[in-house]
Amino acid sequence: MKYGCQSMVGKIESILIKKPEQAFISQENLNKTWEEFKYFGCPDYETVLKEYAVFEKYIKENVENVYYLPQDDRTGLDSIYTHDPLKITKKGAIYFPMGKALRSKEYLATKAYLESIGVPTLGEIKAPGKMEGGDVLWIDEKTVAIGRGYRTNDEGIRQFKELTKDLVDEYIIVPMPHGEGEDACLHLMSIISFVDTDKAVVYSKFMPVFFREYLLEKGFMLIEADDDEYDYLGTNLLALEPGKVILIKGCSKIEKKLKDLGLTVMTYEGKELSYRGTGGPTCLTCPITRL
């Protein structure tokens, strides 16, 4: 099994996703659990299935190897967002006990499945360490930025550094703002998505000045999202390869900016699938291999 994903834009060769049938399960399950997961309203299950079908079609048309996480009693609604319980390095997967208590055992299900298909485990972040995949952003193969906020703490970062010390030359620790509060899902990747080797969609209001200046000095073009499109996950894009991305439908200004720059943009209706659970196209996927 080929693995290794120390990039945010390299062409995805293998990917891990989870269908709504195995995560949301049913309308009855959604009705019972959406409030404890702090969703923005209860998703409509039938609409979710239709939205996911479009998203999955884009994945299958552009990624050679697509793997599906099975249903597991240790997981809940958020397990549809496969990105967050881990990062897959060139030496294997690192698993995270996530900051959201309802997701604390999710990594165990992902670990069992990935090991069964041949992805080795490099390590786990142990309590009191906390970390979530959305806070780990590869600038390049040897440089990683990590958001330090409510979902990822200092001890989690320390352990991650120890596990990756032979893989990473530079760690950039980015302090995250309070934002909408401790219960809100605010990751580093909530405010920045790389869409090409030299371009990123950003929400600068929540970005520390030093990190914004760092990206500009590295030669990145920063494509700004406004308040409305940030709120609708407009800064959460999945790069399938450099210059080819998936974006939630409804962010027309970001979509136009990207297309004007020559990027290929595919959109899907995602109000029920993505917006209600605050999980955009990046969150819905865990790339296993990027070239």
C-alpha atoms as a PDB file:
ATOM      1  CA  MET A   1       0.000   0.000   0.000  1.00  0.00           C
ATOM      2  CA  LYS A   2       1.459   3.329  -1.087  1.00  0.00           C
ATOM      3  CA  TYR A   3       1.028   6.166   1.425  1.00  0.00           C
ATOM      4  CA  GLY A   4       2.378   9.594   2.292  1.00  0.00           C
ATOM      5  CA  CYS A   5       0.684  12.965   2.243  1.00  0.00           C
ATOM      6  CA  GLN A   6       2.964  15.843   3.230  1.00  0.00           C
ATOM      7  CA  SER A   7       1.336  18.282   0.833  1.00  0.00           C
ATOM      8  CA  MET A   8      -1.975  20.108   0.520  1.00  0.00           C
ATOM      9  CA  VAL A   9      -2.005  20.381  -3.290  1.00  0.00           C
ATOM     10  CA  GLY A  10      -0.098  17.464  -4.811  1.00  0.00           C
ATOM     11  CA  LYS A  11      -2.247  15.236  -7.012  1.00  0.00           C
ATOM     12  CA  ILE A  12      -4.281  12.882  -4.823  1.00  0.00           C
ATOM     13  CA  GLU A  13      -3.608   9.273  -5.757  1.00  0.00           C
ATOM     14  CA  SER A  14      -5.441   7.570  -2.856  1.00  0.00           C
ATOM     15  CA  ILE A  15      -8.110   8.929  -0.516  1.00  0.00           C
ATOM     16  CA  LEU A  16     -10.247   7.877   2.448  1.00  0.00           C
ATOM     17  CA  ILE A  17     -13.880   8.973   2.688  1.00  0.00           C
ATOM     18  CA  LYS A  18     -16.996   7.871   4.575  1.00  0.00           C
ATOM     19  CA  LYS A  19     -20.472   7.736   3.108  1.00  0.00           C
ATOM     20  CA  PRO A  20     -23.390   9.354   4.962  1.00  0.00           C
ATOM     21  CA  GLU A  21     -25.046   5.946   5.224  1.00  0.00           C
ATOM     22  CA  GLN A  22     -22.204   4.874   7.531  1.00  0.00           C
ATOM     23  CA  ALA A  23     -21.864   8.166   9.469  1.00  0.00           C
ATOM     24  CA  PHE A  24     -25.265   9.872   9.617  1.00  0.00           C
ATOM     25  CA  ILE A  25     -26.966   6.454   9.236  1.00  0.00           C
ATOM     26  CA  SER A  26     -30.598   7.647   9.100  1.00  0.00           C
ATOM     27  CA  GLN A  27     -32.917  10.596   9.607  1.00  0.00           C
ATOM     28  CA  GLU A  28     -33.904   9.110  12.944  1.00  0.00           C
ATOM     29  CA  ASN A  29     -30.276   9.065  14.078  1.00  0.00           C
ATOM     30  CA  LEU A  30     -29.787  12.647  12.914  1.00  0.00           C
ATOM     31  CA  ASN A  31     -32.922  13.757  14.764  1.00  0.00           C
ATOM     32  CA  LYS A  32     -31.574  12.247  17.988  1.00  0.00           C
ATOM     33  CA  THR A  33     -27.974  13.436  17.834  1.00  0.00           C
ATOM     34  CA  TRP A  34     -27.554  16.650  15.823  1.00  0.00           C
ATOM     35  CA  GLU A  35     -27.935  18.938  18.846  1.00  0.00           C
ATOM     36  CA  GLU A  36     -25.271  17.231  20.956  1.00  0.00           C
ATOM     37  CA  PHE A  37     -22.893  17.470  17.985  1.00  0.00           C
ATOM     38  CA  LYS A  38     -23.734  21.209  17.833  1.00  0.00           C
ATOM     39  CA  TYR A  39     -24.819  21.245  14.198  1.00  0.00           C
ATOM     40  CA  PHE A  40     -26.480  24.307  12.687  1.00  0.00           C
ATOM     41  CA  GLY A  41     -29.847  22.602  12.467  1.00  0.00           C
ATOM     42  CA  CYS A  42     -30.743  18.995  11.754  1.00  0.00           C
ATOM     43  CA  PRO A  43     -29.569  17.809   8.317  1.00  0.00           C
ATOM     44  CA  ASP A  44     -32.173  16.388   5.975  1.00  0.00           C
ATOM     45  CA  TYR A  45     -30.941  12.877   5.300  1.00  0.00           C
ATOM     46  CA  GLU A  46     -32.318  12.462   1.785  1.00  0.00           C
ATOM     47  CA  THR A  47     -30.836  15.796   0.740  1.00  0.00           C
ATOM     48  CA  VAL A  48     -27.495  14.794   2.280  1.00  0.00           C
ATOM     49  CA  LEU A  49     -27.444  11.672   0.106  1.00  0.00           C
ATOM     50  CA  LYS A  50     -28.018  13.743  -3.037  1.00  0.00           C
ATOM     51  CA  GLU A  51     -25.360  16.285  -2.111  1.00  0.00           C
ATOM     52  CA  TYR A  52     -22.852  13.574  -1.274  1.00  0.00           C
ATOM     53  CA  ALA A  53     -23.474  11.783  -4.576  1.00  0.00           C
ATOM     54  CA  VAL A  54     -22.238  14.852  -6.476  1.00  0.00           C
ATOM     55  CA  PHE A  55     -19.229  15.272  -4.195  1.00  0.00           C
ATOM     56  CA  GLU A  56     -18.331  11.579  -4.443  1.00  0.00           C
ATOM     57  CA  LYS A  57     -18.598  11.707  -8.234  1.00  0.00           C
ATOM     58  CA  TYR A  58     -15.914  14.412  -8.354  1.00  0.00           C
ATOM     59  CA  ILE A  59     -13.677  12.319  -6.095  1.00  0.00           C
ATOM     60  CA  LYS A  60     -14.080   9.121  -8.107  1.00  0.00           C
ATOM     61  CA  GLU A  61     -13.488  10.926 -11.418  1.00  0.00           C
ATOM     62  CA  ASN A  62     -10.248  12.481 -10.187  1.00  0.00           C
ATOM     63  CA  VAL A  63      -8.722  10.035  -7.693  1.00  0.00           C
ATOM     64  CA  GLU A  64      -7.464   6.626  -8.765  1.00  0.00           C
ATOM     65  CA  ASN A  65      -7.946   4.800  -5.456  1.00  0.00           C
ATOM     66  CA  VAL A  66     -10.945   5.575  -3.240  1.00  0.00           C
ATOM     67  CA  TYR A  67     -11.299   3.812   0.120  1.00  0.00           C
ATOM     68  CA  TYR A  68     -14.416   3.867   2.298  1.00  0.00           C
ATOM     69  CA  LEU A  69     -14.514   3.839   6.087  1.00  0.00           C
ATOM     70  CA  PRO A  70     -17.101   1.367   7.392  1.00  0.00           C
ATOM     71  CA  GLN A  71     -19.722   2.102  10.031  1.00  0.00           C
ATOM     72  CA  ASP A  72     -18.364   1.814  13.564  1.00  0.00           C
ATOM     73  CA  ASP A  73     -20.041   2.085  16.973  1.00  0.00           C
ATOM     74  CA  ARG A  74     -17.132   4.174  18.298  1.00  0.00           C
ATOM     75  CA  THR A  75     -18.001   7.022  15.939  1.00  0.00           C
ATOM     76  CA  GLY A  76     -20.817   9.508  15.445  1.00  0.00           C
ATOM     77  CA  LEU A  77     -22.072  12.039  12.927  1.00  0.00           C
ATOM     78  CA  ASP A  78     -18.740  13.842  12.629  1.00  0.00           C
ATOM     79  CA  SER A  79     -16.980  10.721  11.373  1.00  0.00           C
ATOM     80  CA  ILE A  80     -18.136  11.713   7.891  1.00  0.00           C
ATOM     81  CA  TYR A  81     -15.389  14.345   8.178  1.00  0.00           C
ATOM     82  CA  THR A  82     -12.534  11.865   7.777  1.00  0.00           C
ATOM     83  CA  HIS A  83      -9.775  14.475   7.727  1.00  0.00           C
ATOM     84  CA  ASP A  84      -9.586  15.234  11.432  1.00  0.00           C
ATOM     85  CA  PRO A  85      -8.510  12.083  13.355  1.00  0.00           C
ATOM     86  CA  LEU A  86      -5.077  11.769  11.725  1.00  0.00           C
ATOM     87  CA  LYS A  87      -2.318  12.875   9.395  1.00  0.00           C
ATOM     88  CA  ILE A  88      -0.552  10.445   7.070  1.00  0.00           C
ATOM     89  CA  THR A  89       3.173  11.045   6.701  1.00  0.00           C
ATOM     90  CA  LYS A  90       5.736   9.272   4.576  1.00  0.00           C
ATOM     91  CA  LYS A  91       6.516   7.087   7.607  1.00  0.00           C
ATOM     92  CA  GLY A  92       2.922   6.225   8.451  1.00  0.00           C
ATOM     93  CA  ALA A  93      -0.170   7.655  10.106  1.00  0.00           C
ATOM     94  CA  ILE A  94      -0.261   9.761  13.266  1.00  0.00           C
ATOM     95  CA  TYR A  95      -3.579   9.496  15.118  1.00  0.00           C
ATOM     96  CA  PHE A  96      -5.212  12.172  17.234  1.00  0.00           C
ATOM     97  CA  PRO A  97      -7.482  12.016  20.312  1.00  0.00           C
ATOM     98  CA  MET A  98      -9.494  15.001  19.175  1.00  0.00           C
ATOM     99  CA  GLY A  99     -10.425  18.027  21.232  1.00  0.00           C
ATOM    100  CA  LYS A 100     -14.158  17.486  20.667  1.00  0.00           C
ATOM    101  CA  ALA A 101     -15.125  14.916  23.310  1.00  0.00           C
ATOM    102  CA  LEU A 102     -17.729  13.215  21.111  1.00  0.00           C
ATOM    103  CA  ARG A 103     -14.954  12.397  18.621  1.00  0.00           C
ATOM    104  CA  SER A 104     -12.422  11.110  21.148  1.00  0.00           C
ATOM    105  CA  LYS A 105     -12.598   7.451  19.996  1.00  0.00           C
ATOM    106  CA  GLU A 106     -12.983   8.148  16.296  1.00  0.00           C
ATOM    107  CA  TYR A 107      -9.286   7.666  15.580  1.00  0.00           C
ATOM    108  CA  LEU A 108      -9.483   4.071  16.806  1.00  0.00           C
ATOM    109  CA  ALA A 109     -11.913   3.156  14.034  1.00  0.00           C
ATOM    110  CA  THR A 110      -9.821   4.909  11.399  1.00  0.00           C
ATOM    111  CA  LYS A 111      -6.638   3.283  12.676  1.00  0.00           C
ATOM    112  CA  ALA A 112      -8.137  -0.214  12.548  1.00  0.00           C
ATOM    113  CA  TYR A 113      -9.294   0.281   8.970  1.00  0.00           C
ATOM    114  CA  LEU A 114      -6.114   1.864   7.614  1.00  0.00           C
ATOM    115  CA  GLU A 115      -3.908  -0.769   9.208  1.00  0.00           C
ATOM    116  CA  SER A 116      -6.107  -3.420   7.577  1.00  0.00           C
ATOM    117  CA  ILE A 117      -5.324  -2.000   4.127  1.00  0.00           C
ATOM    118  CA  GLY A 118      -1.603  -1.624   4.772  1.00  0.00           C
ATOM    119  CA  VAL A 119      -1.067   1.913   6.114  1.00  0.00           C
ATOM    120  CA  PRO A 120       1.301   1.595   9.094  1.00  0.00           C
ATOM    121  CA  THR A 121       1.009   3.612  12.274  1.00  0.00           C
ATOM    122  CA  LEU A 122       3.812   6.035  13.107  1.00  0.00           C
ATOM    123  CA  GLY A 123       2.299   7.000  16.453  1.00  0.00           C
ATOM    124  CA  GLU A 124      -0.535   8.496  18.465  1.00  0.00           C
ATOM    125  CA  ILE A 125      -0.924  11.768  20.295  1.00  0.00           C
ATOM    126  CA  LYS A 126      -1.542  10.804  23.940  1.00  0.00           C
ATOM    127  CA  ALA A 127      -3.607  12.683  26.545  1.00  0.00           C
ATOM    128  CA  PRO A 128      -3.323  15.338  27.816  1.00  0.00           C
ATOM    129  CA  GLY A 129      -2.202  16.154  24.297  1.00  0.00           C
ATOM    130  CA  LYS A 130      -4.935  17.230  21.886  1.00  0.00           C
ATOM    131  CA  MET A 131      -4.731  17.644  18.122  1.00  0.00           C
ATOM    132  CA  GLU A 132      -7.048  17.659  15.110  1.00  0.00           C
ATOM    133  CA  GLY A 133      -6.137  17.212  11.457  1.00  0.00           C
ATOM    134  CA  GLY A 134      -7.669  20.538  10.470  1.00  0.00           C
ATOM    135  CA  ASP A 135      -4.960  22.315  12.456  1.00  0.00           C
ATOM    136  CA  VAL A 136      -2.058  20.695  10.561  1.00  0.00           C
ATOM    137  CA  LEU A 137      -1.217  22.430   7.291  1.00  0.00           C
ATOM    138  CA  TRP A 138       1.714  21.331   5.105  1.00  0.00           C
ATOM    139  CA  ILE A 139       3.401  24.360   3.562  1.00  0.00           C
ATOM    140  CA  ASP A 140       5.696  21.980   1.701  1.00  0.00           C
ATOM    141  CA  GLU A 141       7.038  18.488   2.318  1.00  0.00           C
ATOM    142  CA  LYS A 142       9.446  19.653   5.032  1.00  0.00           C
ATOM    143  CA  THR A 143       7.488  22.579   6.497  1.00  0.00           C
ATOM    144  CA  VAL A 144       4.293  22.326   8.531  1.00  0.00           C
ATOM    145  CA  ALA A 145       2.107  24.989  10.130  1.00  0.00           C
ATOM    146  CA  ILE A 146       0.089  23.985  13.201  1.00  0.00           C
ATOM    147  CA  GLY A 147      -2.844  25.939  14.597  1.00  0.00           C
ATOM    148  CA  ARG A 148      -2.716  26.242  18.383  1.00  0.00           C
ATOM    149  CA  GLY A 149      -6.283  26.718  19.600  1.00  0.00           C
ATOM    150  CA  TYR A 150      -9.061  24.990  21.481  1.00  0.00           C
ATOM    151  CA  ARG A 151      -8.766  21.767  19.451  1.00  0.00           C
ATOM    152  CA  THR A 152      -4.950  21.488  19.404  1.00  0.00           C
ATOM    153  CA  ASN A 153      -2.895  22.214  22.519  1.00  0.00           C
ATOM    154  CA  ASP A 154       0.774  22.685  23.373  1.00  0.00           C
ATOM    155  CA  GLU A 155       1.258  19.091  24.528  1.00  0.00           C
ATOM    156  CA  GLY A 156      -0.271  17.738  21.334  1.00  0.00           C
ATOM    157  CA  ILE A 157       2.094  19.909  19.306  1.00  0.00           C
ATOM    158  CA  ARG A 158       5.089  18.752  21.367  1.00  0.00           C
ATOM    159  CA  GLN A 159       4.250  15.094  20.716  1.00  0.00           C
ATOM    160  CA  PHE A 160       3.641  15.724  17.021  1.00  0.00           C
ATOM    161  CA  LYS A 161       7.053  17.374  16.744  1.00  0.00           C
ATOM    162  CA  GLU A 162       8.708  14.399  18.420  1.00  0.00           C
ATOM    163  CA  LEU A 163       7.005  11.934  16.041  1.00  0.00           C
ATOM    164  CA  THR A 164       7.909  13.929  12.931  1.00  0.00           C
ATOM    165  CA  LYS A 165      11.366  15.246  13.847  1.00  0.00           C
ATOM    166  CA  ASP A 166      12.987  13.143  11.102  1.00  0.00           C
ATOM    167  CA  LEU A 167      10.449  14.326   8.516  1.00  0.00           C
ATOM    168  CA  VAL A 168      10.055  18.051   9.166  1.00  0.00           C
ATOM    169  CA  ASP A 169      12.639  20.842   9.092  1.00  0.00           C
ATOM    170  CA  GLU A 170      10.423  23.745  10.163  1.00  0.00           C
ATOM    171  CA  TYR A 171       7.349  24.010  12.407  1.00  0.00           C
ATOM    172  CA  ILE A 172       5.289  27.198  12.334  1.00  0.00           C
ATOM    173  CA  ILE A 173       2.976  27.456  15.347  1.00  0.00           C
ATOM    174  CA  VAL A 174       0.006  29.676  14.555  1.00  0.00           C
ATOM    175  CA  PRO A 175      -2.027  30.981  17.543  1.00  0.00           C
ATOM    176  CA  MET A 176      -5.739  30.718  16.739  1.00  0.00           C
ATOM    177  CA  PRO A 177      -8.295  33.344  17.809  1.00  0.00           C
ATOM    178  CA  HIS A 178     -11.164  32.739  20.211  1.00  0.00           C
ATOM    179  CA  GLY A 179     -13.530  33.265  17.269  1.00  0.00           C
ATOM    180  CA  GLU A 180     -17.057  32.129  18.055  1.00  0.00           C
ATOM    181  CA  GLY A 181     -15.998  30.405  21.254  1.00  0.00           C
ATOM    182  CA  GLU A 182     -14.645  27.160  22.656  1.00  0.00           C
ATOM    183  CA  ASP A 183     -17.397  24.977  21.181  1.00  0.00           C
ATOM    184  CA  ALA A 184     -17.036  26.341  17.645  1.00  0.00           C
ATOM    185  CA  CYS A 185     -15.059  24.390  15.072  1.00  0.00           C
ATOM    186  CA  LEU A 186     -12.200  26.747  14.248  1.00  0.00           C
ATOM    187  CA  HIS A 187      -9.137  25.101  12.762  1.00  0.00           C
ATOM    188  CA  LEU A 188      -6.145  26.612  10.991  1.00  0.00           C
ATOM    189  CA  MET A 189      -7.587  25.128   7.799  1.00  0.00           C
ATOM    190  CA  SER A 190     -10.832  27.009   8.491  1.00  0.00           C
ATOM    191  CA  ILE A 191      -9.025  30.191   7.495  1.00  0.00           C
ATOM    192  CA  ILE A 192      -6.701  29.001   4.731  1.00  0.00           C
ATOM    193  CA  SER A 193      -6.785  26.476   1.902  1.00  0.00           C
ATOM    194  CA  PHE A 194      -3.983  26.030  -0.604  1.00  0.00           C
ATOM    195  CA  VAL A 195      -5.434  25.769  -4.099  1.00  0.00           C
ATOM    196  CA  ASP A 196      -2.231  25.740  -6.160  1.00  0.00           C
ATOM    197  CA  THR A 197       1.495  25.556  -5.549  1.00  0.00           C
ATOM    198  CA  ASP A 198       1.590  29.332  -5.092  1.00  0.00           C
ATOM    199  CA  LYS A 199      -2.004  30.317  -4.247  1.00  0.00           C
ATOM    200  CA  ALA A 200      -4.201  30.117  -1.158  1.00  0.00           C
ATOM    201  CA  VAL A 201      -7.737  31.177  -0.302  1.00  0.00           C
ATOM    202  CA  VAL A 202      -7.664  32.944   3.068  1.00  0.00           C
ATOM    203  CA  TYR A 203      -9.745  34.776   5.652  1.00  0.00           C
ATOM    204  CA  SER A 204      -7.228  37.348   6.809  1.00  0.00           C
ATOM    205  CA  LYS A 205      -9.349  38.652   9.713  1.00  0.00           C
ATOM    206  CA  PHE A 206      -8.493  35.531  11.708  1.00  0.00           C
ATOM    207  CA  MET A 207      -4.913  35.213  10.481  1.00  0.00           C
ATOM    208  CA  PRO A 208      -1.993  36.386  12.660  1.00  0.00           C
ATOM    209  CA  VAL A 209       0.054  39.082  10.958  1.00  0.00           C
ATOM    210  CA  PHE A 210       3.310  37.122  11.172  1.00  0.00           C
ATOM    211  CA  PHE A 211       1.773  34.114   9.402  1.00  0.00           C
ATOM    212  CA  ARG A 212       0.208  36.227   6.677  1.00  0.00           C
ATOM    213  CA  GLU A 213       3.535  37.982   6.102  1.00  0.00           C
ATOM    214  CA  TYR A 214       5.332  34.626   6.098  1.00  0.00           C
ATOM    215  CA  LEU A 215       3.102  33.319   3.302  1.00  0.00           C
ATOM    216  CA  LEU A 216       3.571  36.471   1.247  1.00  0.00           C
ATOM    217  CA  GLU A 217       7.330  36.282   1.703  1.00  0.00           C
ATOM    218  CA  LYS A 218       7.218  32.664   0.513  1.00  0.00           C
ATOM    219  CA  GLY A 219       5.616  33.919  -2.700  1.00  0.00           C
ATOM    220  CA  PHE A 220       2.002  32.865  -2.149  1.00  0.00           C
ATOM    221  CA  MET A 221      -0.828  34.818  -3.712  1.00  0.00           C
ATOM    222  CA  LEU A 222      -3.516  35.251  -1.037  1.00  0.00           C
ATOM    223  CA  ILE A 223      -7.065  35.195  -2.393  1.00  0.00           C
ATOM    224  CA  GLU A 224      -9.324  36.889   0.143  1.00  0.00           C
ATOM    225  CA  ALA A 225     -12.734  35.631   1.258  1.00  0.00           C
ATOM    226  CA  ASP A 226     -15.247  38.101   2.681  1.00  0.00           C
ATOM    227  CA  ASP A 227     -17.271  37.578   5.863  1.00  0.00           C
ATOM    228  CA  ASP A 228     -20.287  35.999   4.180  1.00  0.00           C
ATOM    229  CA  GLU A 229     -18.350  33.452   2.157  1.00  0.00           C
ATOM    230  CA  TYR A 230     -16.070  32.638   5.075  1.00  0.00           C
ATOM    231  CA  ASP A 231     -19.170  31.864   7.135  1.00  0.00           C
ATOM    232  CA  TYR A 232     -20.359  29.529   4.373  1.00  0.00           C
ATOM    233  CA  LEU A 233     -17.075  27.553   4.310  1.00  0.00           C
ATOM    234  CA  GLY A 234     -15.664  29.504   1.368  1.00  0.00           C
ATOM    235  CA  THR A 235     -12.124  29.139   2.716  1.00  0.00           C
ATOM    236  CA  ASN A 236     -12.441  25.344   2.954  1.00  0.00           C
ATOM    237  CA  LEU A 237     -11.489  23.976  -0.469  1.00  0.00           C
ATOM    238  CA  LEU A 238     -10.029  20.637  -1.484  1.00  0.00           C
ATOM    239  CA  ALA A 239      -7.209  20.690  -4.019  1.00  0.00           C
ATOM    240  CA  LEU A 240      -7.369  17.487  -6.061  1.00  0.00           C
ATOM    241  CA  GLU A 241      -4.159  18.578  -7.777  1.00  0.00           C
ATOM    242  CA  PRO A 242      -2.500  21.960  -8.311  1.00  0.00           C
ATOM    243  CA  GLY A 243      -5.089  24.345  -9.745  1.00  0.00           C
ATOM    244  CA  LYS A 244      -8.049  21.926  -9.576  1.00  0.00           C
ATOM    245  CA  VAL A 245     -10.343  22.280  -6.572  1.00  0.00           C
ATOM    246  CA  ILE A 246     -13.715  21.422  -5.045  1.00  0.00           C
ATOM    247  CA  LEU A 247     -15.697  24.240  -3.403  1.00  0.00           C
ATOM    248  CA  ILE A 248     -19.091  24.305  -1.731  1.00  0.00           C
ATOM    249  CA  LYS A 249     -21.686  25.913  -4.014  1.00  0.00           C
ATOM    250  CA  GLY A 250     -22.812  29.361  -2.875  1.00  0.00           C
ATOM    251  CA  CYS A 251     -19.435  31.122  -2.709  1.00  0.00           C
ATOM    252  CA  SER A 252     -19.661  32.827  -6.086  1.00  0.00           C
ATOM    253  CA  LYS A 253     -17.074  35.533  -5.384  1.00  0.00           C
ATOM    254  CA  ILE A 254     -14.365  33.035  -4.456  1.00  0.00           C
ATOM    255  CA  GLU A 255     -15.380  30.831  -7.373  1.00  0.00           C
ATOM    256  CA  LYS A 256     -15.052  33.743  -9.824  1.00  0.00           C
ATOM    257  CA  LYS A 257     -11.674  34.843  -8.427  1.00  0.00           C
ATOM    258  CA  LEU A 258     -10.292  31.334  -8.849  1.00  0.00           C
ATOM    259  CA  LYS A 259     -11.674  30.854 -12.344  1.00  0.00           C
ATOM    260  CA  ASP A 260     -10.316  34.263 -13.387  1.00  0.00           C
ATOM    261  CA  LEU A 261      -6.886  32.993 -12.318  1.00  0.00           C
ATOM    262  CA  GLY A 262      -7.299  29.955 -14.550  1.00  0.00           C
ATOM    263  CA  LEU A 263      -8.140  27.377 -11.880  1.00  0.00           C
ATOM    264  CA  THR A 264     -10.658  24.579 -12.414  1.00  0.00           C
ATOM    265  CA  VAL A 265     -13.425  24.803  -9.811  1.00  0.00           C
ATOM    266  CA  MET A 266     -16.038  22.098  -9.185  1.00  0.00           C
ATOM    267  CA  THR A 267     -18.920  22.899  -6.848  1.00  0.00           C
ATOM    268  CA  TYR A 268     -21.485  20.841  -4.968  1.00  0.00           C
ATOM    269  CA  GLU A 269     -24.577  21.770  -2.973  1.00  0.00           C
ATOM    270  CA  GLY A 270     -23.481  21.327   0.618  1.00  0.00           C
ATOM    271  CA  LYS A 271     -25.872  23.057   2.994  1.00  0.00           C
ATOM    272  CA  GLU A 272     -27.044  19.817   4.621  1.00  0.00           C
ATOM    273  CA  LEU A 273     -23.842  17.792   4.162  1.00  0.00           C
ATOM    274  CA  SER A 274     -21.190  20.390   4.934  1.00  0.00           C
ATOM    275  CA  TYR A 275     -22.520  23.672   6.310  1.00  0.00           C
ATOM    276  CA  ARG A 276     -24.657  22.267   9.123  1.00  0.00           C
ATOM    277  CA  GLY A 277     -21.726  20.331  10.540  1.00  0.00           C
ATOM    278  CA  THR A 278     -19.066  22.930   9.617  1.00  0.00           C
ATOM    279  CA  GLY A 279     -17.196  20.476   7.435  1.00  0.00           C
ATOM    280  CA  GLY A 280     -16.271  21.520   3.905  1.00  0.00           C
ATOM    281  CA  PRO A 281     -14.715  19.462   1.121  1.00  0.00           C
ATOM    282  CA  THR A 282     -11.315  19.198   2.818  1.00  0.00           C
ATOM    283  CA  CYS A 283     -12.951  17.935   6.006  1.00  0.00           C
ATOM    284  CA  LEU A 284     -14.863  15.270   4.051  1.00  0.00           C
ATOM    285  CA  THR A 285     -11.638  13.647   2.867  1.00  0.00           C
ATOM    286  CA  CYS A 286      -8.431  12.159   4.174  1.00  0.00           C
ATOM    287  CA  PRO A 287      -5.879  11.946   1.354  1.00  0.00           C
ATOM    288  CA  ILE A 288      -3.704   8.866   1.851  1.00  0.00           C
ATOM    289  CA  THR A 289      -1.259   9.573  -0.970  1.00  0.00           C
ATOM    290  CA  ARG A 290      -0.425  12.809  -2.756  1.00  0.00           C
ATOM    291  CA  LEU A 291       2.118  12.767  -5.568  1.00  0.00           C
END
